[in-house]
Amino acid sequence: MKFAFAFAGLSLLVSSAAWANDAQLQRGKELFVSKAVPACAVCHTLKDAGSQGAIGPNLDELKPSADRIMKVLKDGMGAMPSFANSLSQEDMEAVTAYVVKSTGQ
């Protein structure tokens, strides 16, 4: 039963990233570029954001999936901190939708 709910939630997240509206994508870009603390653009390269960070992975090359982005935003990974206490679920979904769309998925 837990698996069914987890799968349904993941499906909804992937679906929402695919059908993100302009306001959500704009919010995701703002968070990525400067509003998240620390801003994603400080560490990550993403052409659409005009960022050339050299610490984290190049997201244009990595093309992470929506579920991977959300997991790393919530849990952190390596030098990247968790954003679970600094970004709302809605903001994490906006960043996720923006990165997924910007990397051509």
PDB file of N, CA and C in Angstrom:
ATOM      1  N   MET A   1       0.814  -1.185   0.000  1.00  0.00           N
ATOM      2  CA  MET A   1       0.000   0.000   0.000  1.00  0.00           C
ATOM      3  C   MET A   1       0.864   1.257   0.000  1.00  0.00           C
ATOM      4  N   LYS A   2       1.924   1.275   0.847  1.00  0.00           N
ATOM      5  CA  LYS A   2       2.817   2.427   0.869  1.00  0.00           C
ATOM      6  C   LYS A   2       3.440   2.649  -0.502  1.00  0.00           C
ATOM      7  N   PHE A   3       3.799   1.542  -1.168  1.00  0.00           N
ATOM      8  CA  PHE A   3       4.397   1.643  -2.494  1.00  0.00           C
ATOM      9  C   PHE A   3       3.440   2.315  -3.468  1.00  0.00           C
ATOM     10  N   ALA A   4       2.168   1.970  -3.397  1.00  0.00           N
ATOM     11  CA  ALA A   4       1.169   2.548  -4.304  1.00  0.00           C
ATOM     12  C   ALA A   4       1.076   4.050  -4.104  1.00  0.00           C
ATOM     13  N   PHE A   5       1.078   4.504  -2.837  1.00  0.00           N
ATOM     14  CA  PHE A   5       1.021   5.934  -2.574  1.00  0.00           C
ATOM     15  C   PHE A   5       2.302   6.635  -3.018  1.00  0.00           C
ATOM     16  N   ALA A   6       3.443   6.017  -2.766  1.00  0.00           N
ATOM     17  CA  ALA A   6       4.720   6.601  -3.191  1.00  0.00           C
ATOM     18  C   ALA A   6       4.777   6.701  -4.704  1.00  0.00           C
ATOM     19  N   PHE A   7       4.334   5.651  -5.393  1.00  0.00           N
ATOM     20  CA  PHE A   7       4.326   5.666  -6.853  1.00  0.00           C
ATOM     21  C   PHE A   7       3.374   6.733  -7.377  1.00  0.00           C
ATOM     22  N   ALA A   8       2.212   6.860  -6.765  1.00  0.00           N
ATOM     23  CA  ALA A   8       1.239   7.875  -7.186  1.00  0.00           C
ATOM     24  C   ALA A   8       1.812   9.273  -6.983  1.00  0.00           C
ATOM     25  N   GLY A   9       2.485   9.490  -5.854  1.00  0.00           N
ATOM     26  CA  GLY A   9       3.099  10.790  -5.597  1.00  0.00           C
ATOM     27  C   GLY A   9       4.199  11.106  -6.584  1.00  0.00           C
ATOM     28  N   LEU A  10       5.024  10.120  -6.896  1.00  0.00           N
ATOM     29  CA  LEU A  10       6.100  10.309  -7.861  1.00  0.00           C
ATOM     30  C   LEU A  10       5.528  10.580  -9.245  1.00  0.00           C
ATOM     31  N   SER A  11       4.487   9.856  -9.615  1.00  0.00           N
ATOM     32  CA  SER A  11       3.852  10.073 -10.917  1.00  0.00           C
ATOM     33  C   SER A  11       3.294  11.481 -11.013  1.00  0.00           C
ATOM     34  N   LEU A  12       2.696  11.959  -9.928  1.00  0.00           N
ATOM     35  CA  LEU A  12       2.160  13.311  -9.909  1.00  0.00           C
ATOM     36  C   LEU A  12       3.279  14.329 -10.056  1.00  0.00           C
ATOM     37  N   LEU A  13       4.404  14.118  -9.380  1.00  0.00           N
ATOM     38  CA  LEU A  13       5.541  15.026  -9.479  1.00  0.00           C
ATOM     39  C   LEU A  13       6.079  15.069 -10.894  1.00  0.00           C
ATOM     40  N   VAL A  14       6.294  13.931 -11.504  1.00  0.00           N
ATOM     41  CA  VAL A  14       6.803  13.885 -12.869  1.00  0.00           C
ATOM     42  C   VAL A  14       5.815  14.551 -13.805  1.00  0.00           C
ATOM     43  N   SER A  15       4.543  14.278 -13.614  1.00  0.00           N
ATOM     44  CA  SER A  15       3.505  14.884 -14.436  1.00  0.00           C
ATOM     45  C   SER A  15       3.489  16.393 -14.254  1.00  0.00           C
ATOM     46  N   SER A  16       3.614  16.867 -13.015  1.00  0.00           N
ATOM     47  CA  SER A  16       3.569  18.302 -12.781  1.00  0.00           C
ATOM     48  C   SER A  16       4.789  18.990 -13.377  1.00  0.00           C
ATOM     49  N   ALA A  17       5.943  18.310 -13.398  1.00  0.00           N
ATOM     50  CA  ALA A  17       7.125  18.894 -14.025  1.00  0.00           C
ATOM     51  C   ALA A  17       6.919  19.009 -15.529  1.00  0.00           C
ATOM     52  N   ALA A  18       6.270  18.011 -16.117  1.00  0.00           N
ATOM     53  CA  ALA A  18       6.035  18.025 -17.557  1.00  0.00           C
ATOM     54  C   ALA A  18       5.020  19.088 -17.950  1.00  0.00           C
ATOM     55  N   TRP A  19       4.106  19.405 -17.061  1.00  0.00           N
ATOM     56  CA  TRP A  19       3.036  20.349 -17.380  1.00  0.00           C
ATOM     57  C   TRP A  19       3.132  21.615 -16.537  1.00  0.00           C
ATOM     58  N   ALA A  20       4.314  21.990 -16.123  1.00  0.00           N
ATOM     59  CA  ALA A  20       4.492  23.169 -15.285  1.00  0.00           C
ATOM     60  C   ALA A  20       4.014  24.416 -16.012  1.00  0.00           C
ATOM     61  N   ASN A  21       3.382  25.310 -15.263  1.00  0.00           N
ATOM     62  CA  ASN A  21       2.933  26.555 -15.880  1.00  0.00           C
ATOM     63  C   ASN A  21       4.050  27.592 -15.842  1.00  0.00           C
ATOM     64  N   ASP A  22       3.848  28.672 -16.567  1.00  0.00           N
ATOM     65  CA  ASP A  22       4.879  29.705 -16.677  1.00  0.00           C
ATOM     66  C   ASP A  22       5.260  30.303 -15.323  1.00  0.00           C
ATOM     67  N   ALA A  23       4.273  30.513 -14.453  1.00  0.00           N
ATOM     68  CA  ALA A  23       4.561  31.095 -13.138  1.00  0.00           C
ATOM     69  C   ALA A  23       5.447  30.162 -12.311  1.00  0.00           C
ATOM     70  N   GLN A  24       5.166  28.866 -12.365  1.00  0.00           N
ATOM     71  CA  GLN A  24       5.975  27.899 -11.616  1.00  0.00           C
ATOM     72  C   GLN A  24       7.395  27.854 -12.175  1.00  0.00           C
ATOM     73  N   LEU A  25       7.520  27.870 -13.495  1.00  0.00           N
ATOM     74  CA  LEU A  25       8.854  27.844 -14.109  1.00  0.00           C
ATOM     75  C   LEU A  25       9.635  29.109 -13.774  1.00  0.00           C
ATOM     76  N   GLN A  26       8.967  30.260 -13.777  1.00  0.00           N
ATOM     77  CA  GLN A  26       9.631  31.519 -13.428  1.00  0.00           C
ATOM     78  C   GLN A  26      10.098  31.484 -11.977  1.00  0.00           C
ATOM     79  N   ARG A  27       9.246  30.989 -11.088  1.00  0.00           N
ATOM     80  CA  ARG A  27       9.619  30.868  -9.672  1.00  0.00           C
ATOM     81  C   ARG A  27      10.806  29.915  -9.520  1.00  0.00           C
ATOM     82  N   GLY A  28      10.779  28.812 -10.248  1.00  0.00           N
ATOM     83  CA  GLY A  28      11.890  27.870 -10.202  1.00  0.00           C
ATOM     84  C   GLY A  28      13.194  28.501 -10.651  1.00  0.00           C
ATOM     85  N   LYS A  29      13.115  29.308 -11.708  1.00  0.00           N
ATOM     86  CA  LYS A  29      14.324  29.980 -12.203  1.00  0.00           C
ATOM     87  C   LYS A  29      14.834  30.988 -11.179  1.00  0.00           C
ATOM     88  N   GLU A  30      13.933  31.766 -10.588  1.00  0.00           N
ATOM     89  CA  GLU A  30      14.342  32.745  -9.568  1.00  0.00           C
ATOM     90  C   GLU A  30      15.036  32.054  -8.398  1.00  0.00           C
ATOM     91  N   LEU A  31      14.463  30.957  -7.950  1.00  0.00           N
ATOM     92  CA  LEU A  31      15.076  30.211  -6.850  1.00  0.00           C
ATOM     93  C   LEU A  31      16.440  29.670  -7.256  1.00  0.00           C
ATOM     94  N   PHE A  32      16.526  29.108  -8.445  1.00  0.00           N
ATOM     95  CA  PHE A  32      17.775  28.527  -8.934  1.00  0.00           C
ATOM     96  C   PHE A  32      18.868  29.590  -9.020  1.00  0.00           C
ATOM     97  N   VAL A  33      18.524  30.742  -9.589  1.00  0.00           N
ATOM     98  CA  VAL A  33      19.517  31.791  -9.849  1.00  0.00           C
ATOM     99  C   VAL A  33      19.919  32.540  -8.585  1.00  0.00           C
ATOM    100  N   SER A  34      18.946  32.905  -7.733  1.00  0.00           N
ATOM    101  CA  SER A  34      19.332  33.777  -6.630  1.00  0.00           C
ATOM    102  C   SER A  34      18.524  33.670  -5.342  1.00  0.00           C
ATOM    103  N   LYS A  35      17.332  33.154  -5.374  1.00  0.00           N
ATOM    104  CA  LYS A  35      16.466  33.214  -4.189  1.00  0.00           C
ATOM    105  C   LYS A  35      16.695  32.087  -3.182  1.00  0.00           C
ATOM    106  N   ALA A  36      17.121  30.920  -3.632  1.00  0.00           N
ATOM    107  CA  ALA A  36      17.440  29.844  -2.684  1.00  0.00           C
ATOM    108  C   ALA A  36      18.744  30.207  -1.982  1.00  0.00           C
ATOM    109  N   VAL A  37      18.898  29.765  -0.753  1.00  0.00           N
ATOM    110  CA  VAL A  37      20.122  30.055  -0.006  1.00  0.00           C
ATOM    111  C   VAL A  37      20.762  28.740   0.418  1.00  0.00           C
ATOM    112  N   PRO A  38      21.912  28.383  -0.149  1.00  0.00           N
ATOM    113  CA  PRO A  38      22.628  29.077  -1.225  1.00  0.00           C
ATOM    114  C   PRO A  38      21.928  28.863  -2.566  1.00  0.00           C
ATOM    115  N   ALA A  39      22.119  29.810  -3.473  1.00  0.00           N
ATOM    116  CA  ALA A  39      21.514  29.706  -4.802  1.00  0.00           C
ATOM    117  C   ALA A  39      22.142  28.545  -5.567  1.00  0.00           C
ATOM    118  N   CYS A  40      21.305  27.810  -6.276  1.00  0.00           N
ATOM    119  CA  CYS A  40      21.764  26.646  -7.049  1.00  0.00           C
ATOM    120  C   CYS A  40      22.845  27.045  -8.062  1.00  0.00           C
ATOM    121  N   ALA A  41      22.676  28.242  -8.655  1.00  0.00           N
ATOM    122  CA  ALA A  41      23.575  28.712  -9.707  1.00  0.00           C
ATOM    123  C   ALA A  41      25.004  28.924  -9.218  1.00  0.00           C
ATOM    124  N   VAL A  42      25.196  29.056  -7.924  1.00  0.00           N
ATOM    125  CA  VAL A  42      26.543  29.231  -7.385  1.00  0.00           C
ATOM    126  C   VAL A  42      27.397  27.998  -7.674  1.00  0.00           C
ATOM    127  N   CYS A  43      26.783  26.828  -7.620  1.00  0.00           N
ATOM    128  CA  CYS A  43      27.529  25.576  -7.772  1.00  0.00           C
ATOM    129  C   CYS A  43      27.299  24.856  -9.093  1.00  0.00           C
ATOM    130  N   HIS A  44      26.115  25.026  -9.679  1.00  0.00           N
ATOM    131  CA  HIS A  44      25.739  24.243 -10.859  1.00  0.00           C
ATOM    132  C   HIS A  44      25.773  25.046 -12.150  1.00  0.00           C
ATOM    133  N   THR A  45      26.196  24.382 -13.229  1.00  0.00           N
ATOM    134  CA  THR A  45      26.105  24.947 -14.569  1.00  0.00           C
ATOM    135  C   THR A  45      24.742  24.592 -15.136  1.00  0.00           C
ATOM    136  N   LEU A  46      24.036  25.612 -15.642  1.00  0.00           N
ATOM    137  CA  LEU A  46      22.763  25.431 -16.329  1.00  0.00           C
ATOM    138  C   LEU A  46      22.639  26.574 -17.321  1.00  0.00           C
ATOM    139  N   LYS A  47      22.711  26.255 -18.592  1.00  0.00           N
ATOM    140  CA  LYS A  47      22.740  27.264 -19.649  1.00  0.00           C
ATOM    141  C   LYS A  47      21.573  28.240 -19.548  1.00  0.00           C
ATOM    142  N   ASP A  48      20.354  27.738 -19.365  1.00  0.00           N
ATOM    143  CA  ASP A  48      19.182  28.608 -19.319  1.00  0.00           C
ATOM    144  C   ASP A  48      19.275  29.641 -18.199  1.00  0.00           C
ATOM    145  N   ALA A  49      19.926  29.285 -17.108  1.00  0.00           N
ATOM    146  CA  ALA A  49      20.073  30.190 -15.970  1.00  0.00           C
ATOM    147  C   ALA A  49      21.285  31.109 -16.123  1.00  0.00           C
ATOM    148  N   GLY A  50      22.121  30.848 -17.121  1.00  0.00           N
ATOM    149  CA  GLY A  50      23.336  31.634 -17.301  1.00  0.00           C
ATOM    150  C   GLY A  50      24.373  31.342 -16.232  1.00  0.00           C
ATOM    151  N   SER A  51      24.287  30.178 -15.614  1.00  0.00           N
ATOM    152  CA  SER A  51      25.213  29.846 -14.530  1.00  0.00           C
ATOM    153  C   SER A  51      26.315  28.915 -15.017  1.00  0.00           C
ATOM    154  N   GLN A  52      27.489  29.093 -14.418  1.00  0.00           N
ATOM    155  CA  GLN A  52      28.646  28.278 -14.777  1.00  0.00           C
ATOM    156  C   GLN A  52      29.372  27.807 -13.528  1.00  0.00           C
ATOM    157  N   GLY A  53      28.607  27.314 -12.579  1.00  0.00           N
ATOM    158  CA  GLY A  53      29.202  26.806 -11.345  1.00  0.00           C
ATOM    159  C   GLY A  53      30.101  25.619 -11.625  1.00  0.00           C
ATOM    160  N   ALA A  54      31.151  25.498 -10.850  1.00  0.00           N
ATOM    161  CA  ALA A  54      32.121  24.425 -11.076  1.00  0.00           C
ATOM    162  C   ALA A  54      32.187  23.430  -9.917  1.00  0.00           C
ATOM    163  N   ILE A  55      31.352  23.614  -8.903  1.00  0.00           N
ATOM    164  CA  ILE A  55      31.406  22.728  -7.738  1.00  0.00           C
ATOM    165  C   ILE A  55      30.495  21.519  -7.932  1.00  0.00           C
ATOM    166  N   GLY A  56      29.248  21.778  -8.290  1.00  0.00           N
ATOM    167  CA  GLY A  56      28.272  20.703  -8.477  1.00  0.00           C
ATOM    168  C   GLY A  56      28.261  20.223  -9.915  1.00  0.00           C
ATOM    169  N   PRO A  57      27.489  19.178 -10.187  1.00  0.00           N
ATOM    170  CA  PRO A  57      27.406  18.650 -11.552  1.00  0.00           C
ATOM    171  C   PRO A  57      26.852  19.675 -12.543  1.00  0.00           C
ATOM    172  N   ASN A  58      27.299  19.559 -13.785  1.00  0.00           N
ATOM    173  CA  ASN A  58      26.755  20.350 -14.887  1.00  0.00           C
ATOM    174  C   ASN A  58      25.389  19.746 -15.204  1.00  0.00           C
ATOM    175  N   LEU A  59      24.331  20.467 -14.910  1.00  0.00           N
ATOM    176  CA  LEU A  59      22.982  19.920 -15.064  1.00  0.00           C
ATOM    177  C   LEU A  59      22.576  19.761 -16.522  1.00  0.00           C
ATOM    178  N   ASP A  60      23.157  20.570 -17.423  1.00  0.00           N
ATOM    179  CA  ASP A  60      22.875  20.405 -18.856  1.00  0.00           C
ATOM    180  C   ASP A  60      23.367  19.046 -19.344  1.00  0.00           C
ATOM    181  N   GLU A  61      24.473  18.593 -18.807  1.00  0.00           N
ATOM    182  CA  GLU A  61      25.026  17.288 -19.193  1.00  0.00           C
ATOM    183  C   GLU A  61      24.372  16.143 -18.421  1.00  0.00           C
ATOM    184  N   LEU A  62      24.132  16.351 -17.143  1.00  0.00           N
ATOM    185  CA  LEU A  62      23.573  15.296 -16.296  1.00  0.00           C
ATOM    186  C   LEU A  62      22.108  14.996 -16.630  1.00  0.00           C
ATOM    187  N   LYS A  63      21.342  16.037 -16.941  1.00  0.00           N
ATOM    188  CA  LYS A  63      19.906  15.898 -17.235  1.00  0.00           C
ATOM    189  C   LYS A  63      19.198  15.037 -16.181  1.00  0.00           C
ATOM    190  N   PRO A  64      19.225  15.484 -14.921  1.00  0.00           N
ATOM    191  CA  PRO A  64      18.633  14.666 -13.858  1.00  0.00           C
ATOM    192  C   PRO A  64      17.115  14.565 -13.989  1.00  0.00           C
ATOM    193  N   SER A  65      16.578  13.438 -13.570  1.00  0.00           N
ATOM    194  CA  SER A  65      15.127  13.234 -13.595  1.00  0.00           C
ATOM    195  C   SER A  65      14.476  14.032 -12.469  1.00  0.00           C
ATOM    196  N   ALA A  66      13.179  14.220 -12.570  1.00  0.00           N
ATOM    197  CA  ALA A  66      12.436  14.950 -11.545  1.00  0.00           C
ATOM    198  C   ALA A  66      12.567  14.278 -10.183  1.00  0.00           C
ATOM    199  N   ASP A  67      12.486  12.965 -10.143  1.00  0.00           N
ATOM    200  CA  ASP A  67      12.581  12.288  -8.849  1.00  0.00           C
ATOM    201  C   ASP A  67      13.973  12.425  -8.245  1.00  0.00           C
ATOM    202  N   ARG A  68      15.002  12.421  -9.075  1.00  0.00           N
ATOM    203  CA  ARG A  68      16.369  12.592  -8.560  1.00  0.00           C
ATOM    204  C   ARG A  68      16.562  14.007  -8.005  1.00  0.00           C
ATOM    205  N   ILE A  69      16.063  15.010  -8.727  1.00  0.00           N
ATOM    206  CA  ILE A  69      16.192  16.395  -8.264  1.00  0.00           C
ATOM    207  C   ILE A  69      15.504  16.563  -6.915  1.00  0.00           C
ATOM    208  N   MET A  70      14.266  16.080  -6.807  1.00  0.00           N
ATOM    209  CA  MET A  70      13.527  16.216  -5.549  1.00  0.00           C
ATOM    210  C   MET A  70      14.240  15.498  -4.406  1.00  0.00           C
ATOM    211  N   LYS A  71      14.762  14.321  -4.654  1.00  0.00           N
ATOM    212  CA  LYS A  71      15.463  13.569  -3.608  1.00  0.00           C
ATOM    213  C   LYS A  71      16.678  14.343  -3.115  1.00  0.00           C
ATOM    214  N   VAL A  72      17.455  14.893  -4.045  1.00  0.00           N
ATOM    215  CA  VAL A  72      18.663  15.626  -3.652  1.00  0.00           C
ATOM    216  C   VAL A  72      18.299  16.943  -2.967  1.00  0.00           C
ATOM    217  N   LEU A  73      17.250  17.619  -3.432  1.00  0.00           N
ATOM    218  CA  LEU A  73      16.815  18.843  -2.754  1.00  0.00           C
ATOM    219  C   LEU A  73      16.398  18.544  -1.315  1.00  0.00           C
ATOM    220  N   LYS A  74      15.702  17.441  -1.111  1.00  0.00           N
ATOM    221  CA  LYS A  74      15.216  17.092   0.229  1.00  0.00           C
ATOM    222  C   LYS A  74      16.310  16.540   1.135  1.00  0.00           C
ATOM    223  N   ASP A  75      17.180  15.699   0.587  1.00  0.00           N
ATOM    224  CA  ASP A  75      18.161  14.983   1.410  1.00  0.00           C
ATOM    225  C   ASP A  75      19.577  15.542   1.346  1.00  0.00           C
ATOM    226  N   GLY A  76      19.879  16.344   0.331  1.00  0.00           N
ATOM    227  CA  GLY A  76      21.248  16.774   0.108  1.00  0.00           C
ATOM    228  C   GLY A  76      22.054  15.630  -0.496  1.00  0.00           C
ATOM    229  N   MET A  77      23.270  15.941  -0.941  1.00  0.00           N
ATOM    230  CA  MET A  77      24.144  14.902  -1.508  1.00  0.00           C
ATOM    231  C   MET A  77      25.563  15.463  -1.583  1.00  0.00           C
ATOM    232  N   GLY A  78      26.508  14.750  -1.012  1.00  0.00           N
ATOM    233  CA  GLY A  78      27.888  15.227  -1.026  1.00  0.00           C
ATOM    234  C   GLY A  78      27.977  16.600  -0.372  1.00  0.00           C
ATOM    235  N   ALA A  79      28.545  17.565  -1.094  1.00  0.00           N
ATOM    236  CA  ALA A  79      28.697  18.924  -0.571  1.00  0.00           C
ATOM    237  C   ALA A  79      27.399  19.726  -0.628  1.00  0.00           C
ATOM    238  N   MET A  80      26.399  19.215  -1.354  1.00  0.00           N
ATOM    239  CA  MET A  80      25.138  19.952  -1.487  1.00  0.00           C
ATOM    240  C   MET A  80      24.278  19.750  -0.245  1.00  0.00           C
ATOM    241  N   PRO A  81      23.845  20.868   0.366  1.00  0.00           N
ATOM    242  CA  PRO A  81      23.008  20.747   1.558  1.00  0.00           C
ATOM    243  C   PRO A  81      21.567  20.373   1.204  1.00  0.00           C
ATOM    244  N   SER A  82      20.857  19.889   2.193  1.00  0.00           N
ATOM    245  CA  SER A  82      19.418  19.666   2.060  1.00  0.00           C
ATOM    246  C   SER A  82      18.715  21.023   2.074  1.00  0.00           C
ATOM    247  N   PHE A  83      17.671  21.150   1.274  1.00  0.00           N
ATOM    248  CA  PHE A  83      16.858  22.362   1.263  1.00  0.00           C
ATOM    249  C   PHE A  83      15.507  22.117   1.940  1.00  0.00           C
ATOM    250  N   ALA A  84      15.362  20.964   2.605  1.00  0.00           N
ATOM    251  CA  ALA A  84      14.088  20.589   3.226  1.00  0.00           C
ATOM    252  C   ALA A  84      13.609  21.597   4.263  1.00  0.00           C
ATOM    253  N   ASN A  85      14.530  22.267   4.938  1.00  0.00           N
ATOM    254  CA  ASN A  85      14.144  23.235   5.968  1.00  0.00           C
ATOM    255  C   ASN A  85      14.157  24.674   5.486  1.00  0.00           C
ATOM    256  N   SER A  86      14.621  24.904   4.257  1.00  0.00           N
ATOM    257  CA  SER A  86      14.688  26.283   3.774  1.00  0.00           C
ATOM    258  C   SER A  86      13.781  26.564   2.582  1.00  0.00           C
ATOM    259  N   LEU A  87      13.337  25.522   1.880  1.00  0.00           N
ATOM    260  CA  LEU A  87      12.404  25.693   0.765  1.00  0.00           C
ATOM    261  C   LEU A  87      11.132  24.910   1.048  1.00  0.00           C
ATOM    262  N   SER A  88      10.013  25.472   0.655  1.00  0.00           N
ATOM    263  CA  SER A  88       8.744  24.760   0.795  1.00  0.00           C
ATOM    264  C   SER A  88       8.671  23.643  -0.244  1.00  0.00           C
ATOM    265  N   GLN A  89       7.749  22.731  -0.057  1.00  0.00           N
ATOM    266  CA  GLN A  89       7.513  21.671  -1.038  1.00  0.00           C
ATOM    267  C   GLN A  89       7.215  22.297  -2.401  1.00  0.00           C
ATOM    268  N   GLU A  90       6.399  23.340  -2.403  1.00  0.00           N
ATOM    269  CA  GLU A  90       6.033  24.031  -3.646  1.00  0.00           C
ATOM    270  C   GLU A  90       7.264  24.628  -4.326  1.00  0.00           C
ATOM    271  N   ASP A  91       8.154  25.228  -3.549  1.00  0.00           N
ATOM    272  CA  ASP A  91       9.375  25.800  -4.120  1.00  0.00           C
ATOM    273  C   ASP A  91      10.298  24.712  -4.667  1.00  0.00           C
ATOM    274  N   MET A  92      10.415  23.596  -3.953  1.00  0.00           N
ATOM    275  CA  MET A  92      11.243  22.498  -4.461  1.00  0.00           C
ATOM    276  C   MET A  92      10.659  21.943  -5.758  1.00  0.00           C
ATOM    277  N   GLU A  93       9.346  21.877  -5.846  1.00  0.00           N
ATOM    278  CA  GLU A  93       8.702  21.422  -7.079  1.00  0.00           C
ATOM    279  C   GLU A  93       8.940  22.415  -8.214  1.00  0.00           C
ATOM    280  N   ALA A  94       8.964  23.715  -7.898  1.00  0.00           N
ATOM    281  CA  ALA A  94       9.228  24.734  -8.917  1.00  0.00           C
ATOM    282  C   ALA A  94      10.656  24.613  -9.446  1.00  0.00           C
ATOM    283  N   VAL A  95      11.621  24.448  -8.562  1.00  0.00           N
ATOM    284  CA  VAL A  95      13.013  24.261  -8.991  1.00  0.00           C
ATOM    285  C   VAL A  95      13.124  23.002  -9.842  1.00  0.00           C
ATOM    286  N   THR A  96      12.486  21.949  -9.399  1.00  0.00           N
ATOM    287  CA  THR A  96      12.507  20.682 -10.137  1.00  0.00           C
ATOM    288  C   THR A  96      11.936  20.854 -11.536  1.00  0.00           C
ATOM    289  N   ALA A  97      10.773  21.472 -11.642  1.00  0.00           N
ATOM    290  CA  ALA A  97      10.139  21.683 -12.950  1.00  0.00           C
ATOM    291  C   ALA A  97      11.034  22.525 -13.847  1.00  0.00           C
ATOM    292  N   TYR A  98      11.640  23.566 -13.281  1.00  0.00           N
ATOM    293  CA  TYR A  98      12.522  24.443 -14.058  1.00  0.00           C
ATOM    294  C   TYR A  98      13.742  23.685 -14.584  1.00  0.00           C
ATOM    295  N   VAL A  99      14.401  22.919 -13.734  1.00  0.00           N
ATOM    296  CA  VAL A  99      15.600  22.187 -14.167  1.00  0.00           C
ATOM    297  C   VAL A  99      15.233  21.132 -15.209  1.00  0.00           C
ATOM    298  N   VAL A 100      14.154  20.405 -14.979  1.00  0.00           N
ATOM    299  CA  VAL A 100      13.728  19.381 -15.943  1.00  0.00           C
ATOM    300  C   VAL A 100      13.453  20.015 -17.303  1.00  0.00           C
ATOM    301  N   LYS A 101      12.705  21.105 -17.315  1.00  0.00           N
ATOM    302  CA  LYS A 101      12.382  21.770 -18.590  1.00  0.00           C
ATOM    303  C   LYS A 101      13.640  22.361 -19.235  1.00  0.00           C
ATOM    304  N   SER A 102      14.484  22.978 -18.434  1.00  0.00           N
ATOM    305  CA  SER A 102      15.690  23.630 -18.964  1.00  0.00           C
ATOM    306  C   SER A 102      16.697  22.650 -19.545  1.00  0.00           C
ATOM    307  N   THR A 103      16.670  21.425 -19.064  1.00  0.00           N
ATOM    308  CA  THR A 103      17.611  20.425 -19.578  1.00  0.00           C
ATOM    309  C   THR A 103      17.004  19.597 -20.703  1.00  0.00           C
ATOM    310  N   GLY A 104      15.820  19.984 -21.153  1.00  0.00           N
ATOM    311  CA  GLY A 104      15.231  19.371 -22.338  1.00  0.00           C
ATOM    312  C   GLY A 104      14.548  18.044 -22.129  1.00  0.00           C
ATOM    313  N   GLN A 105      14.074  17.798 -20.934  1.00  0.00           N
ATOM    314  CA  GLN A 105      13.399  16.513 -20.672  1.00  0.00           C
ATOM    315  C   GLN A 105      11.920  16.605 -20.947  1.00  0.00           C
TER     316      GLN A 105
END
